[in-house]
Amino acid sequence: MVSLKDISVRCGVSIATVSKALNDHKDVSAPTKERIIKTAREMGYFPNSQARALKTKRTFNIGVMFDEEAGSGLTHEFFAKILNSFKTEAESRGYDITFINKNIGVLKMSAYEHCKYRNVDGIAIICTDFSDTDVYEVINGDLPVITIDHVFECRSAVVSNNESGMEELVRYAAERGHRKIAFIQGRRSAVMEKRLSGFCKACMNLGIKVRPDRLVSAEYHSPAATYQLTKQMLKQSDPPTCIFMPDDFSAIGGYNAVADCGLKIPEDVSIIGYDGIAYAEFLQPKLTTYRQNTEMIGSLAAKKLISTIEEPSSSFSEVITVEGRLLEGRSVSVANGR
């Protein structure tokens, strides 16, 4: 195995200079740094992660707690995109990613114990049950933490502006004359509460009455649940003219329910989604939705966590809010007083 000493002999410089050049220190001239890096590459040098950890007191490894409740895992496009953006940003800064769970083979341990076992430098908590005792153990531990779409006191978080996003969608429907509006919510969570708050606030400001039978609960990422609830609403004596779905993927169930009731979108009923995933582009008619900025959410989460890891004395806890944007499709009609 090629060592720093081997490179120093080949380049005619000290071992300390080689180390500084490979770690991009500023007190090594650019020509010398370039020559050392080129020589190291030619000699097939690879840094020893264990040696680097002993020297820097860091493993350059970030733990990710990800437990998608709908069972879709990494096939869930919204969270997959956030994770991909997080991973890309972390890797560009020299960090690896390790998924944290409770079991390692036959060995049972808590998520926090797993973090310690893997010796991660920090933890990102994405799409999990934030009320789980495992999560609270991590939150109350001594490792840097970032959460996505959930806020804990004294911990940094990156959140999508779900409240204002929902308000914008309600205003969009109202501008097209819809007053009989229904909302199929997702599972109770911080995200759901923000969206519900935005929905009710916008309806109140626009003078739209929120009827209890038009405000129902389902699951996120569940077309089967939205199919049943959409059919029930359409069979009411005075059905809604516009139905909000928990998310774009669940909107597939709503589309199928409308078709099975012998109706058409948007002529008979309008449908609105949320998230802005690629699936929404292929629904017919094209779904009107609200695109969350997954790239920015993941990237900012990685940047904030790494900043907390590398500069603990100057870092502070904050909530970073990321705005999205409305994507107009063809699934919302003009109500014409219906």
C-alpha atoms as a PDB file:
ATOM      1  CA  MET A   1       0.000   0.000   0.000  1.00  0.00           C
ATOM      2  CA  VAL A   2       1.314   3.439  -0.972  1.00  0.00           C
ATOM      3  CA  SER A   3       2.023   5.691   2.045  1.00  0.00           C
ATOM      4  CA  LEU A   4       2.472   9.425   2.525  1.00  0.00           C
ATOM      5  CA  LYS A   5       6.202   8.760   2.974  1.00  0.00           C
ATOM      6  CA  ASP A   6       6.385   7.092  -0.455  1.00  0.00           C
ATOM      7  CA  ILE A   7       4.775  10.146  -2.058  1.00  0.00           C
ATOM      8  CA  SER A   8       7.056  12.541  -0.138  1.00  0.00           C
ATOM      9  CA  VAL A   9      10.168  10.700  -1.380  1.00  0.00           C
ATOM     10  CA  ARG A  10       8.938  10.756  -4.975  1.00  0.00           C
ATOM     11  CA  CYS A  11       8.087  14.488  -4.805  1.00  0.00           C
ATOM     12  CA  GLY A  12      11.078  15.522  -2.683  1.00  0.00           C
ATOM     13  CA  VAL A  13       8.978  17.192  -0.003  1.00  0.00           C
ATOM     14  CA  SER A  14       8.183  16.472   3.643  1.00  0.00           C
ATOM     15  CA  ILE A  15       5.448  14.081   4.775  1.00  0.00           C
ATOM     16  CA  ALA A  16       3.718  17.069   6.421  1.00  0.00           C
ATOM     17  CA  THR A  17       3.617  18.905   3.068  1.00  0.00           C
ATOM     18  CA  VAL A  18       2.116  15.849   1.346  1.00  0.00           C
ATOM     19  CA  SER A  19      -0.545  15.590   4.060  1.00  0.00           C
ATOM     20  CA  LYS A  20      -1.413  19.278   3.782  1.00  0.00           C
ATOM     21  CA  ALA A  21      -1.614  19.115  -0.018  1.00  0.00           C
ATOM     22  CA  LEU A  22      -3.913  16.088   0.002  1.00  0.00           C
ATOM     23  CA  ASN A  23      -6.149  17.773   2.595  1.00  0.00           C
ATOM     24  CA  ASP A  24      -6.270  20.999   0.542  1.00  0.00           C
ATOM     25  CA  HIS A  25      -4.538  23.223   3.103  1.00  0.00           C
ATOM     26  CA  LYS A  26      -3.926  26.782   1.945  1.00  0.00           C
ATOM     27  CA  ASP A  27      -0.294  27.009   3.118  1.00  0.00           C
ATOM     28  CA  VAL A  28       0.917  24.785   0.239  1.00  0.00           C
ATOM     29  CA  SER A  29       1.488  26.525  -3.090  1.00  0.00           C
ATOM     30  CA  ALA A  30      -0.810  25.619  -5.967  1.00  0.00           C
ATOM     31  CA  PRO A  31       1.956  24.145  -8.200  1.00  0.00           C
ATOM     32  CA  THR A  32       3.280  21.965  -5.336  1.00  0.00           C
ATOM     33  CA  LYS A  33      -0.222  20.853  -4.398  1.00  0.00           C
ATOM     34  CA  GLU A  34      -1.027  19.948  -8.004  1.00  0.00           C
ATOM     35  CA  ARG A  35       2.232  17.985  -8.356  1.00  0.00           C
ATOM     36  CA  ILE A  36       1.646  16.039  -5.138  1.00  0.00           C
ATOM     37  CA  ILE A  37      -1.965  15.202  -6.022  1.00  0.00           C
ATOM     38  CA  LYS A  38      -0.922  14.061  -9.501  1.00  0.00           C
ATOM     39  CA  THR A  39       1.870  11.885  -8.069  1.00  0.00           C
ATOM     40  CA  ALA A  40      -0.464  10.363  -5.462  1.00  0.00           C
ATOM     41  CA  ARG A  41      -2.956   9.482  -8.195  1.00  0.00           C
ATOM     42  CA  GLU A  42      -0.253   7.931 -10.397  1.00  0.00           C
ATOM     43  CA  MET A  43       1.078   5.867  -7.491  1.00  0.00           C
ATOM     44  CA  GLY A  44      -2.421   4.600  -6.656  1.00  0.00           C
ATOM     45  CA  TYR A  45      -2.598   6.218  -3.229  1.00  0.00           C
ATOM     46  CA  PHE A  46      -5.834   5.931  -1.252  1.00  0.00           C
ATOM     47  CA  PRO A  47      -6.283   7.619   2.157  1.00  0.00           C
ATOM     48  CA  ASN A  48      -6.851   5.347   5.142  1.00  0.00           C
ATOM     49  CA  SER A  49     -10.240   6.252   6.632  1.00  0.00           C
ATOM     50  CA  GLN A  50      -9.317   4.915  10.073  1.00  0.00           C
ATOM     51  CA  ALA A  51      -6.122   6.943  10.169  1.00  0.00           C
ATOM     52  CA  ARG A  52      -8.023  10.047   9.048  1.00  0.00           C
ATOM     53  CA  ALA A  53     -10.623   9.475  11.775  1.00  0.00           C
ATOM     54  CA  LEU A  54      -7.902   9.294  14.443  1.00  0.00           C
ATOM     55  CA  LYS A  55      -6.382  12.540  13.213  1.00  0.00           C
ATOM     56  CA  THR A  56      -9.532  14.585  12.548  1.00  0.00           C
ATOM     57  CA  LYS A  57     -11.753  13.035  15.256  1.00  0.00           C
ATOM     58  CA  ARG A  58     -14.348  12.527  12.529  1.00  0.00           C
ATOM     59  CA  THR A  59     -15.348   9.512  10.441  1.00  0.00           C
ATOM     60  CA  PHE A  60     -16.875  11.557   7.594  1.00  0.00           C
ATOM     61  CA  ASN A  61     -19.902   9.306   7.851  1.00  0.00           C
ATOM     62  CA  ILE A  62     -23.482  10.577   8.274  1.00  0.00           C
ATOM     63  CA  GLY A  63     -26.302   8.419   9.587  1.00  0.00           C
ATOM     64  CA  VAL A  64     -29.749   8.610   7.969  1.00  0.00           C
ATOM     65  CA  MET A  65     -32.896   7.503   9.794  1.00  0.00           C
ATOM     66  CA  PHE A  66     -35.463   6.727   7.108  1.00  0.00           C
ATOM     67  CA  ASP A  67     -38.567   4.642   7.722  1.00  0.00           C
ATOM     68  CA  GLU A  68     -41.261   5.386   5.146  1.00  0.00           C
ATOM     69  CA  GLU A  69     -44.529   4.517   6.897  1.00  0.00           C
ATOM     70  CA  ALA A  70     -46.502   3.661   3.753  1.00  0.00           C
ATOM     71  CA  GLY A  71     -44.054   0.822   3.076  1.00  0.00           C
ATOM     72  CA  SER A  72     -42.856   2.251  -0.242  1.00  0.00           C
ATOM     73  CA  GLY A  73     -39.324   2.852   1.018  1.00  0.00           C
ATOM     74  CA  LEU A  74     -36.943   4.315  -1.545  1.00  0.00           C
ATOM     75  CA  THR A  75     -39.535   3.853  -4.305  1.00  0.00           C
ATOM     76  CA  HIS A  76     -41.429   6.816  -2.782  1.00  0.00           C
ATOM     77  CA  GLU A  77     -40.413   9.469  -5.320  1.00  0.00           C
ATOM     78  CA  PHE A  78     -40.712  12.498  -3.041  1.00  0.00           C
ATOM     79  CA  PHE A  79     -38.438  11.130  -0.321  1.00  0.00           C
ATOM     80  CA  ALA A  80     -36.142   9.383  -2.785  1.00  0.00           C
ATOM     81  CA  LYS A  81     -35.438  12.751  -4.418  1.00  0.00           C
ATOM     82  CA  ILE A  82     -34.745  14.398  -1.064  1.00  0.00           C
ATOM     83  CA  LEU A  83     -32.394  11.567  -0.106  1.00  0.00           C
ATOM     84  CA  ASN A  84     -30.633  11.732  -3.463  1.00  0.00           C
ATOM     85  CA  SER A  85     -30.079  15.470  -3.118  1.00  0.00           C
ATOM     86  CA  PHE A  86     -28.884  15.016   0.479  1.00  0.00           C
ATOM     87  CA  LYS A  87     -26.505  12.236  -0.592  1.00  0.00           C
ATOM     88  CA  THR A  88     -25.126  14.234  -3.533  1.00  0.00           C
ATOM     89  CA  GLU A  89     -24.384  17.274  -1.371  1.00  0.00           C
ATOM     90  CA  ALA A  90     -22.854  15.192   1.440  1.00  0.00           C
ATOM     91  CA  GLU A  91     -20.629  13.238  -0.955  1.00  0.00           C
ATOM     92  CA  SER A  92     -19.443  16.437  -2.614  1.00  0.00           C
ATOM     93  CA  ARG A  93     -18.158  17.452   0.817  1.00  0.00           C
ATOM     94  CA  GLY A  94     -16.404  14.152   1.442  1.00  0.00           C
ATOM     95  CA  TYR A  95     -19.035  12.360   3.550  1.00  0.00           C
ATOM     96  CA  ASP A  96     -20.484   8.862   3.218  1.00  0.00           C
ATOM     97  CA  ILE A  97     -24.061   7.855   4.104  1.00  0.00           C
ATOM     98  CA  THR A  98     -25.132   5.006   6.406  1.00  0.00           C
ATOM     99  CA  PHE A  99     -28.773   4.038   6.925  1.00  0.00           C
ATOM    100  CA  ILE A 100     -29.577   3.607  10.613  1.00  0.00           C
ATOM    101  CA  ASN A 101     -31.906   0.885  11.886  1.00  0.00           C
ATOM    102  CA  LYS A 102     -32.522  -1.109  15.052  1.00  0.00           C
ATOM    103  CA  ASN A 103     -31.092  -4.426  13.926  1.00  0.00           C
ATOM    104  CA  ILE A 104     -27.667  -5.464  12.636  1.00  0.00           C
ATOM    105  CA  GLY A 105     -28.024  -9.144  11.836  1.00  0.00           C
ATOM    106  CA  VAL A 106     -29.031 -10.821  15.090  1.00  0.00           C
ATOM    107  CA  LEU A 107     -27.727  -7.888  17.135  1.00  0.00           C
ATOM    108  CA  LYS A 108     -30.524  -5.745  18.592  1.00  0.00           C
ATOM    109  CA  MET A 109     -29.892  -2.116  19.436  1.00  0.00           C
ATOM    110  CA  SER A 110     -31.639   1.240  19.458  1.00  0.00           C
ATOM    111  CA  ALA A 111     -31.148   3.705  16.602  1.00  0.00           C
ATOM    112  CA  TYR A 112     -28.945   5.853  18.846  1.00  0.00           C
ATOM    113  CA  GLU A 113     -26.839   2.831  19.787  1.00  0.00           C
ATOM    114  CA  HIS A 114     -26.495   2.017  16.088  1.00  0.00           C
ATOM    115  CA  CYS A 115     -25.284   5.578  15.461  1.00  0.00           C
ATOM    116  CA  LYS A 116     -22.652   5.113  18.139  1.00  0.00           C
ATOM    117  CA  TYR A 117     -21.786   1.658  16.814  1.00  0.00           C
ATOM    118  CA  ARG A 118     -21.212   3.091  13.330  1.00  0.00           C
ATOM    119  CA  ASN A 119     -19.452   6.111  14.851  1.00  0.00           C
ATOM    120  CA  VAL A 120     -21.335   8.560  12.617  1.00  0.00           C
ATOM    121  CA  ASP A 121     -20.533  12.262  12.822  1.00  0.00           C
ATOM    122  CA  GLY A 122     -24.156  13.361  12.594  1.00  0.00           C
ATOM    123  CA  ILE A 123     -27.687  12.162  11.836  1.00  0.00           C
ATOM    124  CA  ALA A 124     -30.403  13.180   9.382  1.00  0.00           C
ATOM    125  CA  ILE A 125     -33.950  12.132  10.333  1.00  0.00           C
ATOM    126  CA  ILE A 126     -36.178  11.847   7.262  1.00  0.00           C
ATOM    127  CA  CYS A 127     -39.727  10.485   7.004  1.00  0.00           C
ATOM    128  CA  THR A 128     -40.146   8.460  10.150  1.00  0.00           C
ATOM    129  CA  ASP A 129     -42.451   8.306  13.142  1.00  0.00           C
ATOM    130  CA  PHE A 130     -41.231  11.402  14.969  1.00  0.00           C
ATOM    131  CA  SER A 131     -43.061  10.329  18.130  1.00  0.00           C
ATOM    132  CA  ASP A 132     -41.003   7.122  18.357  1.00  0.00           C
ATOM    133  CA  THR A 133     -38.875   6.776  21.497  1.00  0.00           C
ATOM    134  CA  ASP A 134     -35.929   5.892  19.239  1.00  0.00           C
ATOM    135  CA  VAL A 135     -36.191   9.312  17.610  1.00  0.00           C
ATOM    136  CA  TYR A 136     -36.321  11.102  20.976  1.00  0.00           C
ATOM    137  CA  GLU A 137     -33.239   9.194  22.134  1.00  0.00           C
ATOM    138  CA  VAL A 138     -31.356  10.501  19.088  1.00  0.00           C
ATOM    139  CA  ILE A 139     -32.738  14.024  19.510  1.00  0.00           C
ATOM    140  CA  ASN A 140     -31.651  14.084  23.161  1.00  0.00           C
ATOM    141  CA  GLY A 141     -28.241  12.575  22.402  1.00  0.00           C
ATOM    142  CA  ASP A 142     -24.912  14.306  21.878  1.00  0.00           C
ATOM    143  CA  LEU A 143     -24.652  13.961  18.087  1.00  0.00           C
ATOM    144  CA  PRO A 144     -25.470  16.741  15.580  1.00  0.00           C
ATOM    145  CA  VAL A 145     -28.961  16.230  14.124  1.00  0.00           C
ATOM    146  CA  ILE A 146     -31.016  17.645  11.251  1.00  0.00           C
ATOM    147  CA  THR A 147     -34.691  16.804  10.732  1.00  0.00           C
ATOM    148  CA  ILE A 148     -36.766  17.191   7.576  1.00  0.00           C
ATOM    149  CA  ASP A 149     -40.410  18.344   7.723  1.00  0.00           C
ATOM    150  CA  HIS A 150     -40.541  18.154  11.518  1.00  0.00           C
ATOM    151  CA  VAL A 151     -39.294  20.614  14.127  1.00  0.00           C
ATOM    152  CA  PHE A 152     -37.810  19.777  17.520  1.00  0.00           C
ATOM    153  CA  GLU A 153     -36.775  22.458  19.973  1.00  0.00           C
ATOM    154  CA  CYS A 154     -33.000  23.124  19.957  1.00  0.00           C
ATOM    155  CA  ARG A 155     -32.451  21.055  16.795  1.00  0.00           C
ATOM    156  CA  SER A 156     -32.159  22.370  13.246  1.00  0.00           C
ATOM    157  CA  ALA A 157     -34.762  21.434  10.652  1.00  0.00           C
ATOM    158  CA  VAL A 158     -35.466  21.953   6.975  1.00  0.00           C
ATOM    159  CA  VAL A 159     -39.175  22.173   6.220  1.00  0.00           C
ATOM    160  CA  SER A 160     -41.250  22.701   3.121  1.00  0.00           C
ATOM    161  CA  ASN A 161     -43.769  25.537   3.475  1.00  0.00           C
ATOM    162  CA  ASN A 162     -46.777  23.202   3.496  1.00  0.00           C
ATOM    163  CA  GLU A 163     -49.109  25.813   4.969  1.00  0.00           C
ATOM    164  CA  SER A 164     -48.585  28.476   2.323  1.00  0.00           C
ATOM    165  CA  GLY A 165     -48.543  25.817  -0.408  1.00  0.00           C
ATOM    166  CA  MET A 166     -51.998  24.621   0.575  1.00  0.00           C
ATOM    167  CA  GLU A 167     -53.278  28.199   0.866  1.00  0.00           C
ATOM    168  CA  GLU A 168     -52.127  28.882  -2.693  1.00  0.00           C
ATOM    169  CA  LEU A 169     -53.924  25.800  -3.996  1.00  0.00           C
ATOM    170  CA  VAL A 170     -57.198  26.741  -2.243  1.00  0.00           C
ATOM    171  CA  ARG A 171     -57.016  30.254  -3.684  1.00  0.00           C
ATOM    172  CA  TYR A 172     -56.419  28.740  -7.135  1.00  0.00           C
ATOM    173  CA  ALA A 173     -59.561  26.610  -6.846  1.00  0.00           C
ATOM    174  CA  ALA A 174     -61.604  29.510  -5.465  1.00  0.00           C
ATOM    175  CA  GLU A 175     -60.514  31.800  -8.301  1.00  0.00           C
ATOM    176  CA  ARG A 176     -62.071  29.249 -10.654  1.00  0.00           C
ATOM    177  CA  GLY A 177     -65.378  29.458  -8.830  1.00  0.00           C
ATOM    178  CA  HIS A 178     -65.127  26.389  -6.579  1.00  0.00           C
ATOM    179  CA  ARG A 179     -66.920  26.745  -3.246  1.00  0.00           C
ATOM    180  CA  LYS A 180     -67.764  23.076  -2.613  1.00  0.00           C
ATOM    181  CA  ILE A 181     -64.244  21.998  -1.728  1.00  0.00           C
ATOM    182  CA  ALA A 182     -63.220  18.717  -0.055  1.00  0.00           C
ATOM    183  CA  PHE A 183     -59.870  17.708   1.416  1.00  0.00           C
ATOM    184  CA  ILE A 184     -58.676  14.120   1.846  1.00  0.00           C
ATOM    185  CA  GLN A 185     -55.887  14.463   4.396  1.00  0.00           C
ATOM    186  CA  GLY A 186     -52.921  12.206   5.009  1.00  0.00           C
ATOM    187  CA  ARG A 187     -51.928  10.531   8.262  1.00  0.00           C
ATOM    188  CA  ARG A 188     -51.744  12.834  11.285  1.00  0.00           C
ATOM    189  CA  SER A 189     -48.301  14.427  11.366  1.00  0.00           C
ATOM    190  CA  ALA A 190     -46.619  17.829  11.484  1.00  0.00           C
ATOM    191  CA  VAL A 191     -46.929  18.014   7.680  1.00  0.00           C
ATOM    192  CA  MET A 192     -50.646  17.194   7.760  1.00  0.00           C
ATOM    193  CA  GLU A 193     -51.295  19.755  10.479  1.00  0.00           C
ATOM    194  CA  LYS A 194     -49.585  22.489   8.461  1.00  0.00           C
ATOM    195  CA  ARG A 195     -51.535  21.603   5.320  1.00  0.00           C
ATOM    196  CA  LEU A 196     -54.806  21.434   7.248  1.00  0.00           C
ATOM    197  CA  SER A 197     -54.035  24.802   8.807  1.00  0.00           C
ATOM    198  CA  GLY A 198     -53.366  26.304   5.381  1.00  0.00           C
ATOM    199  CA  PHE A 199     -56.540  24.759   3.956  1.00  0.00           C
ATOM    200  CA  CYS A 200     -58.804  26.004   6.757  1.00  0.00           C
ATOM    201  CA  LYS A 201     -57.179  29.425   6.903  1.00  0.00           C
ATOM    202  CA  ALA A 202     -57.580  29.979   3.163  1.00  0.00           C
ATOM    203  CA  CYS A 203     -61.202  28.776   3.218  1.00  0.00           C
ATOM    204  CA  MET A 204     -62.007  31.086   6.137  1.00  0.00           C
ATOM    205  CA  ASN A 205     -60.387  34.085   4.411  1.00  0.00           C
ATOM    206  CA  LEU A 206     -62.323  33.343   1.227  1.00  0.00           C
ATOM    207  CA  GLY A 207     -65.644  32.798   3.004  1.00  0.00           C
ATOM    208  CA  ILE A 208     -65.779  29.097   2.089  1.00  0.00           C
ATOM    209  CA  LYS A 209     -67.526  26.881   4.631  1.00  0.00           C
ATOM    210  CA  VAL A 210     -65.529  23.775   5.616  1.00  0.00           C
ATOM    211  CA  ARG A 211     -68.024  20.940   6.006  1.00  0.00           C
ATOM    212  CA  PRO A 212     -67.012  18.007   8.247  1.00  0.00           C
ATOM    213  CA  ASP A 213     -68.096  15.454   5.618  1.00  0.00           C
ATOM    214  CA  ARG A 214     -65.730  17.104   3.139  1.00  0.00           C
ATOM    215  CA  LEU A 215     -62.752  16.924   5.486  1.00  0.00           C
ATOM    216  CA  VAL A 216     -61.718  13.278   5.824  1.00  0.00           C
ATOM    217  CA  SER A 217     -58.568  11.346   6.710  1.00  0.00           C
ATOM    218  CA  ALA A 218     -56.752   8.675   4.717  1.00  0.00           C
ATOM    219  CA  GLU A 219     -53.094   7.713   4.310  1.00  0.00           C
ATOM    220  CA  TYR A 220     -50.314   9.334   2.340  1.00  0.00           C
ATOM    221  CA  HIS A 221     -49.181   7.445  -0.767  1.00  0.00           C
ATOM    222  CA  SER A 222     -52.308   5.269  -0.771  1.00  0.00           C
ATOM    223  CA  PRO A 223     -54.406   5.269  -3.980  1.00  0.00           C
ATOM    224  CA  ALA A 224     -56.625   2.551  -2.454  1.00  0.00           C
ATOM    225  CA  ALA A 225     -57.681   4.816   0.428  1.00  0.00           C
ATOM    226  CA  THR A 226     -58.348   7.857  -1.758  1.00  0.00           C
ATOM    227  CA  TYR A 227     -60.293   5.678  -4.212  1.00  0.00           C
ATOM    228  CA  GLN A 228     -62.788   4.672  -1.516  1.00  0.00           C
ATOM    229  CA  LEU A 229     -63.132   8.139   0.001  1.00  0.00           C
ATOM    230  CA  THR A 230     -63.510   9.840  -3.383  1.00  0.00           C
ATOM    231  CA  LYS A 231     -66.315   7.428  -4.344  1.00  0.00           C
ATOM    232  CA  GLN A 232     -68.091   8.123  -1.039  1.00  0.00           C
ATOM    233  CA  MET A 233     -67.926  11.879  -1.620  1.00  0.00           C
ATOM    234  CA  LEU A 234     -69.143  11.646  -5.205  1.00  0.00           C
ATOM    235  CA  LYS A 235     -72.197   9.671  -4.038  1.00  0.00           C
ATOM    236  CA  GLN A 236     -73.294  12.448  -1.657  1.00  0.00           C
ATOM    237  CA  SER A 237     -76.520  14.274  -2.511  1.00  0.00           C
ATOM    238  CA  ASP A 238     -74.516  17.487  -2.823  1.00  0.00           C
ATOM    239  CA  PRO A 239     -71.007  16.349  -3.842  1.00  0.00           C
ATOM    240  CA  PRO A 240     -67.947  18.612  -3.876  1.00  0.00           C
ATOM    241  CA  THR A 241     -66.861  20.139  -7.163  1.00  0.00           C
ATOM    242  CA  CYS A 242     -63.172  20.032  -6.236  1.00  0.00           C
ATOM    243  CA  ILE A 243     -61.328  17.403  -4.176  1.00  0.00           C
ATOM    244  CA  PHE A 244     -57.829  17.892  -2.738  1.00  0.00           C
ATOM    245  CA  MET A 245     -55.727  14.708  -2.512  1.00  0.00           C
ATOM    246  CA  PRO A 246     -53.141  13.899   0.206  1.00  0.00           C
ATOM    247  CA  ASP A 247     -50.399  13.700  -2.447  1.00  0.00           C
ATOM    248  CA  ASP A 248     -49.922  13.150  -6.178  1.00  0.00           C
ATOM    249  CA  PHE A 249     -49.480   9.378  -5.960  1.00  0.00           C
ATOM    250  CA  SER A 250     -52.714   9.041  -3.974  1.00  0.00           C
ATOM    251  CA  ALA A 251     -54.455  11.098  -6.667  1.00  0.00           C
ATOM    252  CA  ILE A 252     -54.319   8.005  -8.891  1.00  0.00           C
ATOM    253  CA  GLY A 253     -57.016   6.515  -6.648  1.00  0.00           C
ATOM    254  CA  GLY A 254     -59.122   9.643  -6.992  1.00  0.00           C
ATOM    255  CA  TYR A 255     -58.836   9.544 -10.792  1.00  0.00           C
ATOM    256  CA  ASN A 256     -59.930   5.896 -10.867  1.00  0.00           C
ATOM    257  CA  ALA A 257     -62.879   6.570  -8.540  1.00  0.00           C
ATOM    258  CA  VAL A 258     -64.136   9.393 -10.752  1.00  0.00           C
ATOM    259  CA  ALA A 259     -63.952   7.141 -13.834  1.00  0.00           C
ATOM    260  CA  ASP A 260     -65.700   4.247 -12.062  1.00  0.00           C
ATOM    261  CA  CYS A 261     -68.531   6.595 -11.084  1.00  0.00           C
ATOM    262  CA  GLY A 262     -69.051   7.363 -14.767  1.00  0.00           C
ATOM    263  CA  LEU A 263     -67.771  10.927 -14.395  1.00  0.00           C
ATOM    264  CA  LYS A 264     -64.975  12.949 -15.989  1.00  0.00           C
ATOM    265  CA  ILE A 265     -62.138  15.176 -14.736  1.00  0.00           C
ATOM    266  CA  PRO A 266     -62.447  18.158 -14.772  1.00  0.00           C
ATOM    267  CA  GLU A 267     -65.893  18.444 -16.413  1.00  0.00           C
ATOM    268  CA  ASP A 268     -67.736  16.796 -13.506  1.00  0.00           C
ATOM    269  CA  VAL A 269     -65.244  17.107 -10.642  1.00  0.00           C
ATOM    270  CA  SER A 270     -61.840  18.751 -10.254  1.00  0.00           C
ATOM    271  CA  ILE A 271     -58.859  17.079  -8.606  1.00  0.00           C
ATOM    272  CA  ILE A 272     -55.815  18.735  -6.973  1.00  0.00           C
ATOM    273  CA  GLY A 273     -52.673  16.953  -5.787  1.00  0.00           C
ATOM    274  CA  TYR A 274     -49.589  17.842  -3.770  1.00  0.00           C
ATOM    275  CA  ASP A 275     -45.811  17.215  -4.131  1.00  0.00           C
ATOM    276  CA  GLY A 276     -45.202  17.696  -7.870  1.00  0.00           C
ATOM    277  CA  ILE A 277     -43.770  14.231  -8.540  1.00  0.00           C
ATOM    278  CA  ALA A 278     -43.096  12.900 -12.049  1.00  0.00           C
ATOM    279  CA  TYR A 279     -46.191  10.650 -11.946  1.00  0.00           C
ATOM    280  CA  ALA A 280     -48.375  13.774 -12.008  1.00  0.00           C
ATOM    281  CA  GLU A 281     -47.046  14.627 -15.478  1.00  0.00           C
ATOM    282  CA  PHE A 282     -48.518  11.432 -16.919  1.00  0.00           C
ATOM    283  CA  LEU A 283     -52.010  11.474 -15.429  1.00  0.00           C
ATOM    284  CA  GLN A 284     -54.739  12.330 -17.923  1.00  0.00           C
ATOM    285  CA  PRO A 285     -55.781  15.056 -17.648  1.00  0.00           C
ATOM    286  CA  LYS A 286     -52.509  16.431 -16.301  1.00  0.00           C
ATOM    287  CA  LEU A 287     -52.798  16.968 -12.533  1.00  0.00           C
ATOM    288  CA  THR A 288     -52.745  20.430 -10.981  1.00  0.00           C
ATOM    289  CA  THR A 289     -50.444  20.169  -7.979  1.00  0.00           C
ATOM    290  CA  TYR A 290     -47.898  21.940  -5.798  1.00  0.00           C
ATOM    291  CA  ARG A 291     -44.272  21.002  -6.389  1.00  0.00           C
ATOM    292  CA  GLN A 292     -42.058  20.818  -3.324  1.00  0.00           C
ATOM    293  CA  ASN A 293     -38.410  21.722  -3.966  1.00  0.00           C
ATOM    294  CA  THR A 294     -36.898  18.345  -3.080  1.00  0.00           C
ATOM    295  CA  GLU A 295     -33.475  19.240  -4.464  1.00  0.00           C
ATOM    296  CA  MET A 296     -33.156  22.287  -2.244  1.00  0.00           C
ATOM    297  CA  ILE A 297     -34.599  20.532   0.824  1.00  0.00           C
ATOM    298  CA  GLY A 298     -32.045  17.709   0.650  1.00  0.00           C
ATOM    299  CA  SER A 299     -29.123  19.955  -0.233  1.00  0.00           C
ATOM    300  CA  LEU A 300     -29.805  22.505   2.528  1.00  0.00           C
ATOM    301  CA  ALA A 301     -30.256  19.710   5.089  1.00  0.00           C
ATOM    302  CA  ALA A 302     -26.839  18.257   4.206  1.00  0.00           C
ATOM    303  CA  LYS A 303     -25.158  21.675   4.266  1.00  0.00           C
ATOM    304  CA  LYS A 304     -26.639  22.580   7.645  1.00  0.00           C
ATOM    305  CA  LEU A 305     -25.783  19.233   9.228  1.00  0.00           C
ATOM    306  CA  ILE A 306     -22.195  19.279   7.949  1.00  0.00           C
ATOM    307  CA  SER A 307     -21.813  22.871   9.144  1.00  0.00           C
ATOM    308  CA  THR A 308     -22.958  21.762  12.612  1.00  0.00           C
ATOM    309  CA  ILE A 309     -20.485  18.856  12.528  1.00  0.00           C
ATOM    310  CA  GLU A 310     -17.497  20.894  11.367  1.00  0.00           C
ATOM    311  CA  GLU A 311     -18.154  24.175  13.174  1.00  0.00           C
ATOM    312  CA  PRO A 312     -20.030  23.258  16.372  1.00  0.00           C
ATOM    313  CA  SER A 313     -18.971  26.384  18.256  1.00  0.00           C
ATOM    314  CA  SER A 314     -20.341  28.774  15.628  1.00  0.00           C
ATOM    315  CA  SER A 315     -23.417  26.787  14.560  1.00  0.00           C
ATOM    316  CA  PHE A 316     -26.893  27.473  15.899  1.00  0.00           C
ATOM    317  CA  SER A 317     -30.226  25.700  15.706  1.00  0.00           C
ATOM    318  CA  GLU A 318     -32.595  27.089  13.088  1.00  0.00           C
ATOM    319  CA  VAL A 319     -35.626  26.162  11.035  1.00  0.00           C
ATOM    320  CA  ILE A 320     -34.988  26.587   7.313  1.00  0.00           C
ATOM    321  CA  THR A 321     -38.185  26.959   5.271  1.00  0.00           C
ATOM    322  CA  VAL A 322     -38.190  26.039   1.577  1.00  0.00           C
ATOM    323  CA  GLU A 323     -40.855  27.384  -0.769  1.00  0.00           C
ATOM    324  CA  GLY A 324     -42.421  25.356  -3.596  1.00  0.00           C
ATOM    325  CA  ARG A 325     -44.542  26.394  -6.555  1.00  0.00           C
ATOM    326  CA  LEU A 326     -47.953  25.666  -8.018  1.00  0.00           C
ATOM    327  CA  LEU A 327     -47.973  23.583 -11.206  1.00  0.00           C
ATOM    328  CA  GLU A 328     -51.074  24.211 -13.259  1.00  0.00           C
ATOM    329  CA  GLY A 329     -52.405  21.145 -15.047  1.00  0.00           C
ATOM    330  CA  ARG A 330     -55.785  20.493 -16.623  1.00  0.00           C
ATOM    331  CA  SER A 331     -57.551  18.798 -13.733  1.00  0.00           C
ATOM    332  CA  VAL A 332     -59.348  21.914 -12.431  1.00  0.00           C
ATOM    333  CA  SER A 333     -62.251  23.401 -14.340  1.00  0.00           C
ATOM    334  CA  VAL A 334     -64.143  26.663 -14.004  1.00  0.00           C
ATOM    335  CA  ALA A 335     -67.037  25.826 -11.671  1.00  0.00           C
ATOM    336  CA  ASN A 336     -69.591  28.168 -13.300  1.00  0.00           C
ATOM    337  CA  GLY A 337     -71.545  28.578 -10.068  1.00  0.00           C
ATOM    338  CA  ARG A 338     -71.954  24.849  -9.406  1.00  0.00           C
END
